[in-house]
Each structure stands twice: as C-alpha cells, then as structure tokens.
Amino acid sequence: MKNYLLIISILYTSCLFSQKTERYSGIITLENGTPLMFEMEFIEDKGMVNGFSITGKGTPDETKSDVSGIFNKNTKTYKLKETQVLSTNSEANLNTFCYINMEITEKGKLSLKRYEGKFTGYFTNGDTCASGNIILMEKEKLEKKVEKIKKKIEKKIEKQKKEEINVLSTKILKDGDDMLIKCYSDKITIYIWDANQEDGDKISLIVNGKYLLENYTTKRKRKKIKYKLNEGENIIEITATNLGSTPPNTSRIEIVDSKAKYPIITQLELNKTAIIKIVK
C-alpha cells in the first residue's frame, strides 16, 4: 500500500513539474492607436489555461486580473479571457473595468516567435468597452531582445560621444598675440572667412614657414584648407596685408582636429601678425 501511495505521489509531482509556466509581455493597441503595456503568466495543461494578466504595469492604474481559456495545439491558438480583478492600484469602481477577451495565434520562428491577434473588452454587464490588436512575446525572449537593443543604443551613444567634437570658447588674437593648441591628430582643417560685412580685408597665412595663402581677401564664404602636421611644434602665422574699408583687419579662423574645434578671431593692424602654435 505504501509503495502504491509512493508511486501516486511521484506521478503527481512529476505532472506538476512538467507543467511549464508561460510568461508573456507585449502591447495591446486600442482602435484609436493608444498602446497599453500588457503581461500574462499562466499554465497550460491538456489544452486548459489558467493564470493572470497585468495591465498598465508600473502605472497608478496597474491591474492584475484572473485569466482562463483554452489552447489549440493544432492551430497554435490561445482563446483567453479575463474573468475577474485580483488586485488593482486604480481607485475606479470595479463595474467600470474592461475585461479583455482575446484570440492570439503563434507567428514567426525561433527568436522572433510571438503571438498576435485581436481582442475585445467587455464591461461586467456585457457591453463592449474596447477593441484592438494584441502582440505578445515570451517575456524572457523579449527582455533579452530589449537588453540587446539597449546595449546597441548605449554603444551608439558611446560612439557618438567619442566622435563628438569639443567646441572651445572663442579666442581673440590681436597684434603680437599667440596661442598654444595641443593636437592629437595627424591632420587639421583650417577655415578662414570674414564673419562681418566683406570690406576688403586681406591676410597672408604662413604655416611652418610656407605660404598657404598670400595677400588673400577674406569673404563671407569660408575658405577650407587641410594640412598635415609635422611632429612636434607647428607654427601658424596670420598677417594683415590690408585693412579694408573698416579697420582693424578682422578675420574668423577655425582650426579643427579629430577631438576639438578652436574658434579664433584676429583683430590686426596693418602688417601685424598673430601666431598660433600647434603641438602634436
């Protein structure tokens, strides 16, 4: 007799452990396009389904409801309905709650496997209160997918931060002034233009003893020059060769490397020079 009871006990325990708790997360979308977070947890046994749903998780109206229904193994379709409220954070009258009836069918394969379908909501008196579409995915797979997307976004943000150029405050250079720039790139780009009204200002630009621009008239359109730096110190000289119609000679200069942008304004008298030292 004891052996018989032991066998029954083992079979019953085995049956309990063979029942898998299904956990799904997803979204229900109302006909007006409003999305609502939706979760379900249930056990399916020989086609019979029992469990609970959670609507509006994390909101002041979060509600947990009893769910029951059937599962058709051949069509891989669930027909489920909420039958009663188990708990809620909402202060609304229970008679105003909308109970969901759904029919969802398996779609997709492997990691993309999900359940999709339609739902209709009913008040306790049987009147229709809502309808729309529903899509659910196994909670564990969804969480992994969300985590994967989150990591991708974090990597993208990190990459953007690394690529982001640091724009420093504008430096004004006058007669005889100089400034020092620490550069981590092999190449720089130099932009030169007249940010005010074009008045005939002319400059010469000399880098490491060689003219890149000679007696050049600055214009509103930016002049772009790319330059490969030497190891160590590089000297940029900007000399006013003409004062134009509204002295002093004023030019906008911008030096850009892979990490930073250095905006500069030169205000020079005739034949006076400002110097920019770049150390690589």
Protein backbone atom coordinates (compact mmCIF):
# COMPACT_ATOMS: atom_id res chain seq x y z
CA MET A 1 0.00 0.00 0.00
CA LYS A 2 2.84 2.36 0.94
CA ASN A 3 4.57 1.61 -2.38
CA TYR A 4 1.32 2.33 -4.25
CA LEU A 5 0.94 5.71 -2.49
CA LEU A 6 4.59 6.49 -3.19
CA ILE A 7 4.12 5.82 -6.93
CA ILE A 8 0.98 8.04 -6.99
CA SER A 9 2.92 10.79 -5.20
CA ILE A 10 5.82 10.59 -7.67
CA LEU A 11 3.48 10.67 -10.68
CA TYR A 12 1.59 13.69 -9.28
CA THR A 13 4.81 15.57 -8.52
CA SER A 14 6.18 14.74 -11.97
CA CYS A 15 2.99 16.05 -13.54
CA LEU A 16 3.27 19.34 -11.63
CA PHE A 17 6.88 19.89 -12.68
CA SER A 18 6.09 19.02 -16.31
CA GLN A 19 3.66 21.93 -16.48
CA LYS A 20 5.55 24.93 -17.77
CA THR A 21 4.61 28.40 -16.59
CA GLU A 22 4.30 30.59 -19.67
CA ARG A 23 5.26 34.25 -19.27
CA TYR A 24 4.46 36.78 -21.99
CA SER A 25 4.93 40.53 -22.36
CA GLY A 26 3.71 42.84 -25.06
CA ILE A 27 1.35 45.59 -26.09
CA ILE A 28 -2.35 45.90 -26.70
CA THR A 29 -3.26 48.66 -29.13
CA LEU A 30 -6.70 50.25 -28.97
CA GLU A 31 -8.55 51.16 -32.16
CA ASN A 32 -7.65 54.84 -31.64
CA GLY A 33 -3.95 53.87 -31.65
CA THR A 34 -3.37 54.12 -27.89
CA PRO A 35 -0.82 51.48 -26.76
CA LEU A 36 -1.01 49.79 -23.34
CA MET A 37 1.60 47.54 -21.73
CA PHE A 38 0.28 44.05 -21.12
CA GLU A 39 1.69 40.95 -19.41
CA MET A 40 0.41 37.41 -18.87
CA GLU A 41 1.54 34.46 -16.82
CA PHE A 42 -0.26 31.13 -16.99
CA ILE A 43 -0.04 27.35 -17.01
CA GLU A 44 -1.42 25.28 -19.88
CA ASP A 45 -2.48 21.71 -19.04
CA LYS A 46 -4.04 19.49 -21.70
CA GLY A 47 -5.42 22.50 -23.53
CA MET A 48 -6.80 24.23 -20.43
CA VAL A 49 -5.23 27.56 -19.49
CA ASN A 50 -5.26 29.30 -16.10
CA GLY A 51 -3.26 32.28 -14.90
CA PHE A 52 -3.33 36.04 -14.65
CA SER A 53 -2.73 39.22 -16.66
CA ILE A 54 -1.24 42.56 -15.69
CA THR A 55 -2.37 45.72 -17.45
CA GLY A 56 -0.62 49.09 -17.08
CA LYS A 57 2.32 47.71 -15.15
CA GLY A 58 4.13 50.40 -13.17
CA THR A 59 1.32 52.94 -13.57
CA PRO A 60 -1.23 54.21 -10.99
CA ASP A 61 -3.84 52.02 -12.74
CA GLU A 62 -1.84 48.75 -12.68
CA THR A 63 -4.35 45.89 -12.51
CA LYS A 64 -3.93 42.15 -12.09
CA SER A 65 -6.77 40.01 -13.44
CA ASP A 66 -7.62 36.32 -13.48
CA VAL A 67 -7.23 34.72 -16.93
CA SER A 68 -8.59 31.43 -18.21
CA GLY A 69 -9.23 29.79 -21.56
CA ILE A 70 -8.10 27.10 -23.96
CA PHE A 71 -5.13 26.33 -26.18
CA ASN A 72 -5.49 24.57 -29.54
CA LYS A 73 -2.24 22.71 -30.13
CA ASN A 74 -3.04 22.06 -33.81
CA THR A 75 -3.61 25.70 -34.74
CA LYS A 76 -1.29 27.05 -32.01
CA THR A 77 -4.04 29.42 -30.93
CA TYR A 78 -5.00 30.70 -27.50
CA LYS A 79 -8.56 31.80 -26.71
CA LEU A 80 -8.36 33.59 -23.38
CA LYS A 81 -10.42 35.97 -21.28
CA GLU A 82 -10.07 37.98 -18.11
CA THR A 83 -12.74 36.89 -15.64
CA GLN A 84 -12.19 39.00 -12.52
CA VAL A 85 -9.88 41.57 -10.94
CA LEU A 86 -7.42 40.03 -8.49
CA SER A 87 -5.78 43.30 -7.42
CA THR A 88 -5.53 46.88 -8.66
CA ASN A 89 -3.93 50.23 -7.86
CA SER A 90 -6.82 52.04 -9.51
CA GLU A 91 -9.44 53.80 -7.40
CA ALA A 92 -12.11 53.37 -10.09
CA ASN A 93 -15.30 51.39 -9.44
CA LEU A 94 -14.88 47.71 -10.41
CA ASN A 95 -18.03 47.97 -12.56
CA THR A 96 -16.11 50.33 -14.86
CA PHE A 97 -13.29 47.84 -15.51
CA CYS A 98 -12.89 46.48 -19.02
CA TYR A 99 -12.25 42.70 -19.22
CA ILE A 100 -10.28 41.52 -22.22
CA ASN A 101 -11.25 38.57 -24.43
CA MET A 102 -8.57 37.62 -26.89
CA GLU A 103 -7.70 35.15 -29.62
CA ILE A 104 -3.99 35.03 -30.43
CA THR A 105 -2.06 32.78 -32.80
CA GLU A 106 1.62 31.90 -32.98
CA LYS A 107 3.60 33.81 -35.60
CA GLY A 108 7.26 33.85 -36.63
CA LYS A 109 10.05 31.43 -35.77
CA LEU A 110 12.74 30.95 -33.11
CA SER A 111 13.77 34.28 -31.52
CA LEU A 112 11.07 36.11 -33.49
CA LYS A 113 8.29 33.78 -32.33
CA ARG A 114 5.35 35.71 -30.92
CA TYR A 115 1.57 35.62 -30.55
CA GLU A 116 -0.61 38.08 -32.43
CA GLY A 117 -4.33 38.58 -32.63
CA LYS A 118 -7.31 40.70 -31.75
CA PHE A 119 -9.14 41.43 -28.53
CA THR A 120 -12.48 42.77 -27.42
CA GLY A 121 -13.10 44.22 -23.99
CA TYR A 122 -16.39 43.92 -22.08
CA PHE A 123 -17.88 45.57 -19.02
CA THR A 124 -19.36 43.29 -16.35
CA ASN A 125 -22.82 43.93 -17.86
CA GLY A 126 -21.69 42.55 -21.22
CA ASP A 127 -21.38 45.88 -23.06
CA THR A 128 -18.35 46.32 -25.30
CA CYS A 129 -15.80 48.77 -23.88
CA ALA A 130 -12.76 48.39 -26.14
CA SER A 131 -11.25 46.51 -29.05
CA GLY A 132 -7.98 46.37 -30.93
CA ASN A 133 -4.88 44.33 -31.59
CA ILE A 134 -2.53 42.47 -29.28
CA ILE A 135 1.01 41.22 -29.71
CA LEU A 136 2.88 39.16 -27.11
CA MET A 137 6.30 37.58 -26.89
CA GLU A 138 7.80 35.24 -24.32
CA LYS A 139 8.91 37.54 -21.53
CA GLU A 140 12.42 36.10 -21.30
CA LYS A 141 12.99 36.46 -25.04
CA LEU A 142 11.53 39.97 -25.02
CA GLU A 143 13.76 41.01 -22.13
CA LYS A 144 16.81 39.63 -23.95
CA LYS A 145 15.74 41.47 -27.09
CA VAL A 146 15.21 44.72 -25.15
CA GLU A 147 18.58 44.27 -23.44
CA LYS A 148 20.24 43.69 -26.81
CA ILE A 149 18.63 46.83 -28.25
CA LYS A 150 19.59 48.77 -25.11
CA LYS A 151 23.23 47.70 -25.47
CA LYS A 152 23.20 48.70 -29.15
CA ILE A 153 21.82 52.13 -28.24
CA GLU A 154 24.41 52.53 -25.45
CA LYS A 155 27.22 51.59 -27.86
CA LYS A 156 25.89 54.06 -30.43
CA ILE A 157 25.71 56.84 -27.83
CA GLU A 158 29.23 55.99 -26.63
CA LYS A 159 30.49 56.06 -30.21
CA GLN A 160 28.81 59.43 -30.80
CA LYS A 161 30.41 60.78 -27.63
CA LYS A 162 33.83 59.64 -28.82
CA GLU A 163 33.23 61.18 -32.24
CA GLU A 164 31.72 64.34 -30.79
CA ILE A 165 33.93 67.37 -31.32
CA ASN A 166 34.57 69.58 -28.32
CA VAL A 167 33.91 73.21 -29.28
CA LEU A 168 36.06 75.51 -27.18
CA SER A 169 35.36 79.15 -26.37
CA THR A 170 36.37 81.76 -28.94
CA LYS A 171 39.88 83.20 -28.57
CA ILE A 172 40.61 86.78 -29.74
CA LEU A 173 44.14 87.42 -31.04
CA LYS A 174 45.50 90.94 -31.56
CA ASP A 175 48.83 92.33 -32.71
CA GLY A 176 51.66 90.14 -31.46
CA ASP A 177 49.38 87.70 -29.58
CA ASP A 178 49.92 83.96 -29.71
CA MET A 179 48.09 80.87 -28.50
CA LEU A 180 49.01 77.24 -27.97
CA ILE A 181 46.94 74.28 -29.17
CA LYS A 182 47.62 70.67 -28.15
CA CYS A 183 46.60 68.46 -31.06
CA TYR A 184 46.15 64.68 -31.11
CA SER A 185 45.55 64.32 -34.87
CA ASP A 186 47.96 63.98 -37.76
CA LYS A 187 45.88 66.40 -39.82
CA ILE A 188 43.96 69.59 -39.16
CA THR A 189 41.46 71.60 -41.14
CA ILE A 190 41.75 75.39 -41.19
CA TYR A 191 38.74 77.56 -42.05
CA ILE A 192 39.17 81.28 -42.76
CA TRP A 193 36.42 83.80 -43.52
CA ASP A 194 35.09 87.30 -42.85
CA ALA A 195 32.20 86.89 -40.40
CA ASN A 196 31.19 90.56 -40.76
CA GLN A 197 30.46 92.56 -43.89
CA GLU A 198 33.06 91.97 -46.61
CA ASP A 199 35.24 95.10 -46.55
CA GLY A 200 38.37 94.07 -48.46
CA ASP A 201 40.44 92.70 -45.55
CA LYS A 202 43.47 90.81 -46.82
CA ILE A 203 45.70 88.36 -44.96
CA SER A 204 48.61 86.06 -45.50
CA LEU A 205 48.65 82.63 -43.89
CA ILE A 206 52.03 81.01 -43.32
CA VAL A 207 52.39 77.53 -41.81
CA ASN A 208 55.84 76.28 -40.83
CA GLY A 209 57.49 78.95 -42.97
CA LYS A 210 55.45 78.25 -46.13
CA TYR A 211 52.67 80.41 -47.58
CA LEU A 212 49.32 78.66 -47.77
CA LEU A 213 47.57 81.97 -48.56
CA GLU A 214 49.26 85.17 -49.74
CA ASN A 215 47.51 88.53 -49.70
CA TYR A 216 44.17 86.67 -49.63
CA THR A 217 40.89 88.65 -49.47
CA THR A 218 38.63 87.16 -46.82
CA LYS A 219 35.00 86.61 -47.82
CA ARG A 220 31.76 85.57 -46.13
CA LYS A 221 32.20 82.12 -47.69
CA ARG A 222 34.62 80.04 -45.65
CA LYS A 223 37.97 79.08 -47.18
CA LYS A 224 38.88 75.48 -46.29
CA ILE A 225 42.47 74.27 -46.04
CA LYS A 226 43.62 70.80 -44.99
CA TYR A 227 47.11 70.46 -43.56
CA LYS A 228 49.25 67.54 -42.38
CA LEU A 229 51.11 68.44 -39.21
CA ASN A 230 54.78 67.86 -38.52
CA GLU A 231 55.83 66.04 -35.37
CA GLY A 232 56.42 68.43 -32.51
CA GLU A 233 55.66 72.15 -32.89
CA ASN A 234 53.85 73.70 -35.86
CA ILE A 235 53.66 77.49 -36.30
CA ILE A 236 50.74 79.25 -37.98
CA GLU A 237 51.22 82.97 -38.73
CA ILE A 238 48.33 85.26 -39.72
CA THR A 239 49.42 88.66 -41.03
CA ALA A 240 47.20 91.60 -42.02
CA THR A 241 48.28 92.80 -45.51
CA ASN A 242 45.37 95.22 -45.97
CA LEU A 243 42.98 96.89 -43.51
CA GLY A 244 40.00 97.06 -45.84
CA SER A 245 37.42 99.85 -45.52
CA THR A 246 36.75 99.36 -41.77
CA PRO A 247 39.96 98.83 -39.75
CA PRO A 248 41.24 96.83 -38.00
CA ASN A 249 41.68 93.76 -40.17
CA THR A 250 39.23 91.26 -38.67
CA SER A 251 39.14 87.59 -39.69
CA ARG A 252 37.46 84.48 -38.36
CA ILE A 253 39.63 81.38 -38.15
CA GLU A 254 38.61 77.92 -37.07
CA ILE A 255 41.05 75.07 -36.52
CA VAL A 256 39.52 71.60 -36.33
CA ASP A 257 41.12 68.29 -35.40
CA SER A 258 39.50 64.92 -34.61
CA LYS A 259 38.73 65.91 -30.99
CA ALA A 260 38.16 69.63 -30.85
CA LYS A 261 37.20 72.81 -32.68
CA TYR A 262 39.12 76.01 -31.89
CA PRO A 263 37.28 79.21 -32.92
CA ILE A 264 39.54 82.27 -33.25
CA ILE A 265 39.07 85.93 -34.17
CA THR A 266 42.07 88.00 -35.30
CA GLN A 267 41.98 91.81 -34.96
CA LEU A 268 45.16 93.13 -36.55
CA GLU A 269 46.64 96.42 -37.65
CA LEU A 270 48.46 96.66 -40.98
CA ASN A 271 51.45 94.28 -41.30
CA LYS A 272 50.91 92.98 -37.78
CA THR A 273 50.92 89.24 -37.03
CA ALA A 274 49.20 86.79 -34.65
CA ILE A 275 50.68 83.37 -34.07
CA ILE A 276 49.08 80.01 -33.36
CA LYS A 277 51.39 77.25 -32.11
CA ILE A 278 50.17 73.69 -32.56
CA VAL A 279 51.98 70.93 -30.68
CA LYS A 280 51.39 67.38 -31.92
